[in-house]
Amino acid sequence: MIESATQPKRADAVRNRERVVAAAAAVFAEHGIEASVPEVAARAGVGKATVYRSFPTKEHLIAAVVLDRLDEFERRARELAREPDAWAALHRLMGEKAVEQCVDRTLASALHAGLAPELLAEARRRMWGAVEELMERAKAQGRMRADATPADLRVLWAGAARVLAADGVEDPAQWRRYSALVVDALRA
């Protein structure tokens, strides 16, 4: 994996890398993954060369932002999996992530475009594993269809999200509403 080659060792390099990833997250949220590396560098207050020292290609930079998003999704799913009502927790998780996706389509755009699949595969596996644990608890509590899988949730949500994005829906309440409809489609 290329990721280890992009991890800086010096304290200033680590700080620069963190600034670049934070700037990239903001720029991609505002302008999409089509935004340029010079835009990211300017937002981070560094030169293009500094960006390319940590990220050999723009794809690596996008992957770093997406990895952060996937890790946060996994962390939140695991946190909510400790809630007593797994069904309510799944609704909460999907509602929160729908609102995030409404205002920042970086994750969906990168995954839809198939960017850096080799860099993202493990993080995606961990994230969906965390969702599966939550779904299994909801099934055990009798709230979710026994045959529901994370793939079902992914396909249903991806379809709804693509239509919402294509229709230019910018109201987070609408995104949350459709996430609830998607989860409810899996109700026992």
Protein backbone atom coordinates (compact mmCIF):
# COMPACT_ATOMS: atom_id res chain seq x y z
CA MET A 1 0.00 0.00 0.00
CA ILE A 2 1.31 3.46 -0.90
CA GLU A 3 -0.04 5.05 2.29
CA SER A 4 3.05 4.21 4.37
CA ALA A 5 5.25 6.06 1.89
CA THR A 6 3.16 9.20 2.41
CA GLN A 7 3.36 9.30 6.23
CA PRO A 8 5.68 12.13 7.31
CA LYS A 9 8.12 11.66 10.20
CA ARG A 10 9.18 15.19 11.24
CA ALA A 11 6.86 17.20 13.52
CA ASP A 12 6.58 20.09 11.03
CA ALA A 13 5.83 17.66 8.22
CA VAL A 14 3.14 15.99 10.34
CA ARG A 15 1.58 19.40 11.07
CA ASN A 16 1.69 20.34 7.38
CA ARG A 17 0.09 17.04 6.40
CA GLU A 18 -2.72 17.57 8.93
CA ARG A 19 -3.27 21.13 7.64
CA VAL A 20 -3.35 19.89 4.05
CA VAL A 21 -5.90 17.14 4.84
CA ALA A 22 -8.10 19.60 6.77
CA ALA A 23 -7.86 22.12 3.93
CA ALA A 24 -8.62 19.43 1.35
CA ALA A 25 -11.68 18.34 3.33
CA ALA A 26 -12.99 21.91 3.35
CA VAL A 27 -12.18 22.61 -0.31
CA PHE A 28 -13.68 19.32 -1.53
CA ALA A 29 -16.79 19.89 0.60
CA GLU A 30 -17.25 23.33 -0.98
CA HIS A 31 -16.19 22.64 -4.58
CA GLY A 32 -16.29 18.86 -5.00
CA ILE A 33 -13.42 16.51 -5.71
CA GLU A 34 -12.82 18.36 -8.96
CA ALA A 35 -11.16 21.17 -6.96
CA SER A 36 -7.48 21.59 -7.72
CA VAL A 37 -4.40 20.87 -5.64
CA PRO A 38 -3.38 24.57 -5.84
CA GLU A 39 -6.74 25.47 -4.23
CA VAL A 40 -6.03 23.02 -1.42
CA ALA A 41 -2.46 24.27 -0.99
CA ALA A 42 -3.64 27.88 -0.82
CA ARG A 43 -6.28 27.02 1.80
CA ALA A 44 -3.65 25.15 3.85
CA GLY A 45 -1.18 28.01 3.54
CA VAL A 46 1.49 25.82 1.94
CA GLY A 47 2.96 25.40 -1.52
CA LYS A 48 1.97 22.72 -4.02
CA ALA A 49 5.28 20.96 -3.42
CA THR A 50 4.39 20.53 0.26
CA VAL A 51 1.13 18.87 -0.75
CA TYR A 52 2.87 16.55 -3.21
CA ARG A 53 5.52 15.55 -0.63
CA SER A 54 2.78 13.87 1.42
CA PHE A 55 0.42 12.98 -1.42
CA PRO A 56 2.06 11.87 -4.68
CA THR A 57 -1.18 12.38 -6.61
CA LYS A 58 -4.47 14.20 -6.15
CA GLU A 59 -6.08 10.76 -5.86
CA HIS A 60 -3.97 10.10 -2.75
CA LEU A 61 -5.10 13.42 -1.28
CA ILE A 62 -8.77 12.63 -1.93
CA ALA A 63 -8.21 9.16 -0.46
CA ALA A 64 -6.81 10.70 2.74
CA VAL A 65 -9.96 12.79 3.15
CA VAL A 66 -12.21 9.83 2.35
CA LEU A 67 -10.30 7.61 4.79
CA ASP A 68 -11.00 10.16 7.52
CA ARG A 69 -14.71 10.10 6.59
CA LEU A 70 -14.85 6.30 6.57
CA ASP A 71 -13.01 6.09 9.91
CA GLU A 72 -15.44 8.59 11.44
CA PHE A 73 -18.43 6.65 10.07
CA GLU A 74 -17.02 3.43 11.58
CA ARG A 75 -16.29 5.13 14.91
CA ARG A 76 -19.82 6.52 15.12
CA ALA A 77 -21.40 3.17 14.18
CA ARG A 78 -19.42 1.42 16.92
CA GLU A 79 -20.34 4.12 19.42
CA LEU A 80 -24.05 3.82 18.58
CA ALA A 81 -23.85 0.01 18.67
CA ARG A 82 -23.56 0.32 22.45
CA GLU A 83 -27.01 1.97 22.64
CA PRO A 84 -29.72 -0.27 24.12
CA ASP A 85 -32.08 0.13 21.12
CA ALA A 86 -30.10 -0.92 18.05
CA TRP A 87 -32.93 -0.02 15.66
CA ALA A 88 -33.09 3.56 16.96
CA ALA A 89 -29.29 3.72 16.85
CA LEU A 90 -29.24 2.64 13.19
CA HIS A 91 -31.83 5.30 12.38
CA ARG A 92 -29.72 7.89 14.20
CA LEU A 93 -26.53 6.81 12.42
CA MET A 94 -28.06 6.94 8.96
CA GLY A 95 -29.82 10.24 9.68
CA GLU A 96 -26.58 11.85 10.86
CA LYS A 97 -24.63 10.56 7.88
CA ALA A 98 -27.38 11.66 5.48
CA VAL A 99 -27.18 15.22 6.81
CA GLU A 100 -23.38 15.13 6.48
CA GLN A 101 -23.68 13.88 2.92
CA CYS A 102 -26.15 16.64 2.12
CA VAL A 103 -23.59 19.33 2.91
CA ASP A 104 -20.45 17.43 1.88
CA ARG A 105 -20.55 14.95 -0.98
CA THR A 106 -16.82 14.19 -0.97
CA LEU A 107 -17.24 10.63 0.29
CA ALA A 108 -20.02 9.73 -2.13
CA SER A 109 -18.29 11.40 -5.08
CA ALA A 110 -15.00 9.63 -4.47
CA LEU A 111 -16.57 6.23 -3.96
CA HIS A 112 -18.87 6.67 -6.95
CA ALA A 113 -15.90 7.69 -9.10
CA GLY A 114 -14.01 4.58 -7.97
CA LEU A 115 -11.05 6.61 -6.74
CA ALA A 116 -8.21 4.77 -4.98
CA PRO A 117 -10.09 1.52 -4.33
CA GLU A 118 -6.92 -0.18 -3.11
CA LEU A 119 -6.37 2.58 -0.54
CA LEU A 120 -9.98 2.57 0.66
CA ALA A 121 -10.90 -1.13 0.63
CA GLU A 122 -9.87 -1.92 4.21
CA ALA A 123 -11.51 1.20 5.65
CA ARG A 124 -14.73 0.41 3.78
CA ARG A 125 -14.64 -3.17 5.07
CA ARG A 126 -14.23 -1.96 8.68
CA MET A 127 -16.98 0.64 8.30
CA TRP A 128 -19.50 -1.84 6.87
CA GLY A 129 -18.45 -4.36 9.52
CA ALA A 130 -19.42 -1.85 12.20
CA VAL A 131 -22.76 -1.23 10.48
CA GLU A 132 -23.32 -4.99 10.26
CA GLU A 133 -22.80 -5.36 14.03
CA LEU A 134 -25.46 -2.71 14.59
CA MET A 135 -27.80 -4.39 12.11
CA GLU A 136 -27.28 -7.80 13.73
CA ARG A 137 -28.26 -6.35 17.09
CA ALA A 138 -31.39 -4.81 15.54
CA LYS A 139 -32.25 -8.24 14.08
CA ALA A 140 -31.68 -9.93 17.44
CA GLN A 141 -34.04 -7.40 19.00
CA GLY A 142 -36.68 -8.35 16.41
CA ARG A 143 -36.73 -4.91 14.78
CA MET A 144 -35.03 -5.66 11.45
CA ARG A 145 -35.74 -8.19 8.71
CA ALA A 146 -33.71 -11.34 9.29
CA ASP A 147 -32.50 -11.33 5.68
CA ALA A 148 -31.32 -7.68 5.64
CA THR A 149 -27.64 -7.14 4.91
CA PRO A 150 -25.30 -4.16 4.89
CA ALA A 151 -25.26 -4.50 1.09
CA ASP A 152 -29.03 -3.98 1.07
CA LEU A 153 -28.65 -0.82 3.14
CA ARG A 154 -25.80 0.41 0.94
CA VAL A 155 -27.71 -0.14 -2.31
CA LEU A 156 -30.93 1.43 -1.04
CA TRP A 157 -29.15 4.44 0.45
CA ALA A 158 -26.87 4.94 -2.57
CA GLY A 159 -29.90 5.03 -4.85
CA ALA A 160 -31.72 7.57 -2.70
CA ALA A 161 -28.60 9.70 -2.24
CA ARG A 162 -27.86 9.77 -5.98
CA VAL A 163 -31.38 10.96 -6.77
CA LEU A 164 -31.27 13.60 -4.01
CA ALA A 165 -27.90 14.84 -5.27
CA ALA A 166 -28.99 14.80 -8.93
CA ASP A 167 -32.15 16.73 -8.03
CA GLY A 168 -30.06 19.31 -6.19
CA VAL A 169 -31.81 18.74 -2.85
CA GLU A 170 -29.92 20.84 -0.31
CA ASP A 171 -32.33 20.58 2.62
CA PRO A 172 -30.77 18.34 5.31
CA ALA A 173 -34.25 17.51 6.63
CA GLN A 174 -35.12 15.94 3.28
CA TRP A 175 -31.93 13.86 3.32
CA ARG A 176 -32.72 12.73 6.87
CA ARG A 177 -36.29 11.86 5.82
CA TYR A 178 -35.09 9.66 2.97
CA SER A 179 -32.53 7.94 5.19
CA ALA A 180 -35.39 7.06 7.56
CA LEU A 181 -37.43 5.67 4.65
CA VAL A 182 -34.46 3.56 3.56
CA VAL A 183 -33.90 2.14 7.03
CA ASP A 184 -37.63 1.54 7.45
CA ALA A 185 -37.59 -0.56 4.28
CA LEU A 186 -35.60 -3.10 6.32
CA ARG A 187 -38.02 -3.18 9.26
CA ALA A 188 -39.10 -6.60 10.52
